[in-house]
Amino acid sequence: MAACALAPACSRPAPSHGAARPPAALTAYLTPPRLNGAARQGAAVVLWGLAAPEAAIRLASPDGSAITGTSDRAGVWRVSAPVGAAPRLYSLSETLDGRLVRATGYVAVLPSPGPPAATLHPSATASLPPSDPERGLEAVDYDASGVAMASGRAAAGENLRLVLDGKEAGGDRADAKGAFSAVLSQPLTPGRHVLAVSGQAPRGGVAFTAVRPVRIAAPPFDARRLDGAWRIDWITPAGGVQSTVLFDRRTGRP
């Protein structure tokens, strides 16, 4: 840009001489696709989100299968994912004009009980689509060292504090959409814990057992039921193992 500003020829449009212009999509930055919502529909979960307009959408499973779709002119995409007896993880990507952009982490599709889907983020907390009006704690993520994070939903802008086993454990302020995420001020030790969140409105807590990540026999993840929640141990892009606990709706609370 600086060179162009100094060049006299840049002061007026250059003749095209019939040369083809590159598509606008090739000169624009592509934001990664994201999951915005999920709902159960029979034996499937309908997923929807945002991507570049008219992009090819692909959710790829580690077993080699894939679910594909296309975003509309507004960038909205919608696909249907089958539900099995255990959670399934997918990498989410979009392709436009030969450019491939992958979302960070995984989209997890979950059987009932539990939320229909979640996005697993490396070194951060899982996020659930805001398709359920219930507010409170939704997920806890931790690594082998015990560093842990908690996430959930509250009233927009609400100030919150976390209490782990009766002791102050950090806090956060919910964003404009009511989502909050906070790193716990004390590490999780193996064993039973009760984590609660409090703010302007009274809320209960969640009881769960922290277990060191298991050996993942079939990479990149291992999923199992534990204490009224789905626990997923998964390999992050950095090569470590992160544990994500996704709490059931209206269950698992002490």
Protein backbone atom coordinates (compact mmCIF):
# COMPACT_ATOMS: atom_id res chain seq x y z
CA MET A 1 0.00 0.00 0.00
CA ALA A 2 2.83 2.43 0.81
CA ALA A 3 4.51 1.71 -2.53
CA CYS A 4 1.23 2.26 -4.33
CA ALA A 5 0.66 5.59 -2.56
CA LEU A 6 4.05 6.81 -3.80
CA ALA A 7 3.62 5.61 -7.39
CA PRO A 8 2.13 8.15 -9.84
CA ALA A 9 0.29 5.40 -11.74
CA CYS A 10 -1.74 4.67 -8.60
CA SER A 11 -3.42 8.07 -8.78
CA ARG A 12 -5.80 6.86 -11.48
CA PRO A 13 -7.29 3.49 -12.47
CA ALA A 14 -5.05 1.41 -14.70
CA PRO A 15 -6.54 0.09 -17.95
CA SER A 16 -7.64 -3.50 -17.66
CA HIS A 17 -6.83 -4.47 -21.29
CA GLY A 18 -9.45 -7.16 -20.87
CA ALA A 19 -7.60 -8.89 -18.02
CA ALA A 20 -9.86 -10.92 -15.76
CA ARG A 21 -10.28 -9.64 -12.21
CA PRO A 22 -9.87 -12.17 -9.38
CA PRO A 23 -13.12 -13.13 -7.67
CA ALA A 24 -13.91 -10.92 -4.68
CA ALA A 25 -13.93 -14.03 -2.50
CA LEU A 26 -10.24 -14.60 -3.25
CA THR A 27 -9.25 -11.19 -1.87
CA ALA A 28 -11.37 -11.38 1.28
CA TYR A 29 -10.38 -12.92 4.59
CA LEU A 30 -12.28 -16.12 5.33
CA THR A 31 -13.41 -16.45 8.92
CA PRO A 32 -13.56 -20.03 10.20
CA PRO A 33 -17.02 -21.63 10.24
CA ARG A 34 -18.76 -21.89 13.59
CA LEU A 35 -21.60 -23.77 15.22
CA ASN A 36 -24.46 -21.54 16.38
CA GLY A 37 -27.23 -23.97 17.24
CA ALA A 38 -28.30 -27.58 17.60
CA ALA A 39 -31.55 -29.46 18.15
CA ARG A 40 -32.52 -33.12 18.30
CA GLN A 41 -34.78 -34.32 15.53
CA GLY A 42 -35.66 -38.00 15.72
CA ALA A 43 -32.50 -40.09 15.47
CA ALA A 44 -30.39 -37.12 14.40
CA VAL A 45 -29.16 -33.76 15.61
CA VAL A 46 -29.69 -30.79 13.32
CA LEU A 47 -26.69 -28.44 13.43
CA TRP A 48 -26.56 -24.91 12.09
CA GLY A 49 -24.12 -22.04 12.08
CA LEU A 50 -22.31 -19.36 10.08
CA ALA A 51 -19.58 -19.51 7.45
CA ALA A 52 -18.59 -17.63 4.31
CA PRO A 53 -21.54 -17.19 1.91
CA GLU A 54 -22.02 -20.08 -0.51
CA ALA A 55 -19.14 -22.12 0.92
CA ALA A 56 -18.90 -25.91 0.98
CA ILE A 57 -19.33 -27.13 4.58
CA ARG A 58 -17.80 -30.37 5.79
CA LEU A 59 -17.94 -32.13 9.15
CA ALA A 60 -15.35 -34.91 9.06
CA SER A 61 -15.31 -37.80 11.53
CA PRO A 62 -12.11 -39.60 12.58
CA ASP A 63 -13.61 -42.81 11.17
CA GLY A 64 -13.41 -41.33 7.66
CA SER A 65 -17.09 -40.52 7.20
CA ALA A 66 -18.22 -36.97 6.54
CA ILE A 67 -21.33 -34.80 6.52
CA THR A 68 -21.46 -32.09 3.87
CA GLY A 69 -23.60 -29.09 3.08
CA THR A 70 -23.49 -25.58 1.63
CA SER A 71 -23.99 -22.21 3.27
CA ASP A 72 -26.55 -19.87 1.73
CA ARG A 73 -25.99 -16.33 0.47
CA ALA A 74 -26.16 -15.06 4.06
CA GLY A 75 -23.54 -17.58 5.19
CA VAL A 76 -25.99 -19.74 7.14
CA TRP A 77 -25.42 -23.49 6.95
CA ARG A 78 -27.49 -26.41 8.24
CA VAL A 79 -26.74 -30.13 8.28
CA SER A 80 -28.10 -33.23 10.00
CA ALA A 81 -25.78 -35.52 12.00
CA PRO A 82 -26.69 -39.07 13.08
CA VAL A 83 -26.78 -39.87 16.79
CA GLY A 84 -25.36 -43.10 18.17
CA ALA A 85 -24.98 -44.60 21.62
CA ALA A 86 -21.89 -42.48 22.35
CA PRO A 87 -20.71 -38.97 21.47
CA ARG A 88 -19.21 -38.40 18.04
CA LEU A 89 -16.59 -35.76 17.24
CA TYR A 90 -16.28 -33.89 13.95
CA SER A 91 -13.78 -31.41 12.58
CA LEU A 92 -15.65 -28.50 10.97
CA SER A 93 -14.34 -26.80 7.82
CA GLU A 94 -15.42 -24.67 4.89
CA THR A 95 -14.09 -24.47 1.34
CA LEU A 96 -14.57 -21.50 -0.98
CA ASP A 97 -12.83 -20.95 -4.33
CA GLY A 98 -10.29 -23.61 -3.51
CA ARG A 99 -9.45 -22.22 -0.07
CA LEU A 100 -9.94 -24.48 2.93
CA VAL A 101 -10.51 -23.02 6.41
CA ARG A 102 -10.87 -25.24 9.47
CA ALA A 103 -12.51 -24.33 12.76
CA THR A 104 -10.37 -24.87 15.85
CA GLY A 105 -11.29 -27.84 18.02
CA TYR A 106 -14.17 -30.24 17.45
CA VAL A 107 -17.93 -30.27 17.18
CA ALA A 108 -19.28 -32.95 19.53
CA VAL A 109 -22.68 -34.49 18.76
CA LEU A 110 -24.13 -36.06 21.90
CA PRO A 111 -26.80 -38.68 22.56
CA SER A 112 -29.48 -38.07 25.15
CA PRO A 113 -29.26 -37.34 28.05
CA GLY A 114 -27.20 -34.21 27.72
CA PRO A 115 -27.10 -31.24 25.38
CA PRO A 116 -27.44 -32.11 21.68
CA ALA A 117 -24.05 -30.66 20.71
CA ALA A 118 -21.07 -28.64 21.91
CA THR A 119 -17.89 -27.14 20.51
CA LEU A 120 -14.67 -28.34 22.19
CA HIS A 121 -11.96 -25.67 22.29
CA PRO A 122 -8.28 -26.46 22.98
CA SER A 123 -6.94 -24.70 26.11
CA ALA A 124 -10.38 -23.15 26.68
CA THR A 125 -13.82 -24.15 27.83
CA ALA A 126 -16.40 -25.96 25.74
CA SER A 127 -19.25 -23.84 24.41
CA LEU A 128 -22.83 -24.98 24.00
CA PRO A 129 -25.24 -23.44 21.50
CA PRO A 130 -27.73 -21.21 23.38
CA SER A 131 -30.70 -23.35 22.34
CA ASP A 132 -31.80 -24.11 25.91
CA PRO A 133 -33.16 -21.31 28.13
CA GLU A 134 -31.77 -22.91 31.30
CA ARG A 135 -28.94 -20.94 32.87
CA GLY A 136 -26.08 -22.16 34.99
CA LEU A 137 -22.92 -24.25 34.68
CA GLU A 138 -22.66 -26.22 31.46
CA ALA A 139 -19.10 -27.53 31.17
CA VAL A 140 -15.79 -27.99 32.97
CA ASP A 141 -12.51 -28.51 31.12
CA TYR A 142 -9.21 -29.56 32.69
CA ASP A 143 -5.84 -31.01 31.76
CA ALA A 144 -3.50 -33.53 33.39
CA SER A 145 -1.98 -30.84 35.64
CA GLY A 146 -5.39 -29.98 37.12
CA VAL A 147 -5.69 -26.54 35.53
CA ALA A 148 -9.43 -26.16 35.05
CA MET A 149 -11.98 -23.85 33.44
CA ALA A 150 -15.75 -23.63 33.77
CA SER A 151 -18.35 -22.21 31.43
CA GLY A 152 -22.08 -21.67 31.29
CA ARG A 153 -24.81 -19.11 30.82
CA ALA A 154 -26.29 -16.37 32.97
CA ALA A 155 -28.08 -13.07 32.48
CA ALA A 156 -26.33 -10.72 30.07
CA GLY A 157 -23.72 -8.67 31.91
CA GLU A 158 -24.22 -10.51 35.21
CA ASN A 159 -21.28 -10.60 37.62
CA LEU A 160 -20.61 -14.17 38.76
CA ARG A 161 -18.41 -15.95 41.26
CA LEU A 162 -17.42 -19.60 41.29
CA VAL A 163 -17.22 -21.69 44.44
CA LEU A 164 -15.37 -25.02 44.39
CA ASP A 165 -15.94 -27.32 47.36
CA GLY A 166 -17.06 -24.36 49.47
CA LYS A 167 -14.09 -22.12 48.62
CA GLU A 168 -13.89 -19.10 46.33
CA ALA A 169 -12.56 -20.23 42.95
CA GLY A 170 -12.68 -17.19 40.65
CA GLY A 171 -15.35 -15.37 38.72
CA ASP A 172 -16.36 -13.73 35.48
CA ARG A 173 -18.84 -11.31 33.94
CA ALA A 174 -21.33 -12.75 31.46
CA ASP A 175 -21.10 -11.25 27.99
CA ALA A 176 -23.90 -9.58 26.05
CA LYS A 177 -25.32 -13.00 25.13
CA GLY A 178 -25.10 -14.34 28.69
CA ALA A 179 -22.09 -16.65 28.15
CA PHE A 180 -19.36 -16.82 30.77
CA SER A 181 -16.05 -18.65 31.05
CA ALA A 182 -13.53 -18.56 33.88
CA VAL A 183 -10.29 -20.27 34.90
CA LEU A 184 -10.59 -21.78 38.37
CA SER A 185 -8.19 -20.20 40.85
CA GLN A 186 -7.35 -23.57 42.38
CA PRO A 187 -6.38 -26.78 40.57
CA LEU A 188 -8.66 -29.76 40.39
CA THR A 189 -7.39 -32.74 42.33
CA PRO A 190 -8.60 -36.26 41.51
CA GLY A 191 -11.83 -37.05 43.29
CA ARG A 192 -15.33 -35.77 43.93
CA HIS A 193 -16.04 -32.03 43.66
CA VAL A 194 -18.98 -29.65 43.86
CA LEU A 195 -18.78 -26.52 41.74
CA ALA A 196 -21.34 -23.74 42.11
CA VAL A 197 -21.88 -20.37 40.46
CA SER A 198 -23.65 -17.46 42.09
CA GLY A 199 -24.72 -14.01 40.94
CA GLN A 200 -27.82 -11.86 41.15
CA ALA A 201 -30.03 -14.94 40.78
CA PRO A 202 -29.74 -18.04 43.00
CA ARG A 203 -28.33 -21.12 41.25
CA GLY A 204 -27.41 -24.64 42.17
CA GLY A 205 -24.13 -26.37 41.53
CA VAL A 206 -22.85 -29.43 39.76
CA ALA A 207 -21.28 -32.48 41.37
CA PHE A 208 -18.67 -34.36 39.37
CA THR A 209 -15.60 -36.56 39.75
CA ALA A 210 -12.30 -35.33 38.36
CA VAL A 211 -10.32 -38.20 36.87
CA ARG A 212 -6.98 -37.91 35.18
CA PRO A 213 -7.33 -38.34 31.40
CA VAL A 214 -7.47 -41.97 30.33
CA ARG A 215 -5.24 -43.53 27.71
CA ILE A 216 -6.99 -42.91 24.42
CA ALA A 217 -7.10 -46.29 22.74
CA ALA A 218 -8.75 -45.02 19.55
CA PRO A 219 -7.50 -41.47 18.89
CA PRO A 220 -8.42 -38.69 18.91
CA PHE A 221 -10.90 -39.12 21.77
CA ASP A 222 -12.52 -41.33 24.40
CA ALA A 223 -16.05 -40.66 25.71
CA ARG A 224 -17.94 -42.13 28.65
CA ARG A 225 -20.78 -41.40 31.09
CA LEU A 226 -19.73 -40.30 34.58
CA ASP A 227 -21.83 -38.70 37.36
CA GLY A 228 -24.70 -37.57 35.17
CA ALA A 229 -22.46 -36.05 32.52
CA TRP A 230 -20.63 -36.89 29.32
CA ARG A 231 -16.86 -36.85 29.85
CA ILE A 232 -14.71 -36.62 26.72
CA ASP A 233 -10.92 -37.01 26.83
CA TRP A 234 -9.51 -35.69 23.57
CA ILE A 235 -6.16 -34.94 21.98
CA THR A 236 -5.53 -31.24 21.38
CA PRO A 237 -3.61 -29.85 18.37
CA ALA A 238 -0.58 -29.41 20.66
CA GLY A 239 -0.59 -33.14 21.43
CA GLY A 240 -1.82 -33.00 25.03
CA VAL A 241 -5.01 -34.54 26.39
CA GLN A 242 -7.85 -32.33 27.59
CA SER A 243 -10.89 -33.56 29.52
CA THR A 244 -14.26 -31.94 28.87
CA VAL A 245 -17.21 -32.63 31.17
CA LEU A 246 -20.58 -31.69 29.64
CA PHE A 247 -23.35 -31.67 32.22
CA ASP A 248 -26.83 -32.97 31.50
CA ARG A 249 -29.68 -30.52 31.37
CA ARG A 250 -31.60 -30.36 34.69
CA THR A 251 -29.66 -33.30 36.10
CA GLY A 252 -26.37 -33.82 37.85
CA ARG A 253 -27.01 -30.94 40.25
CA PRO A 254 -26.58 -31.56 44.01
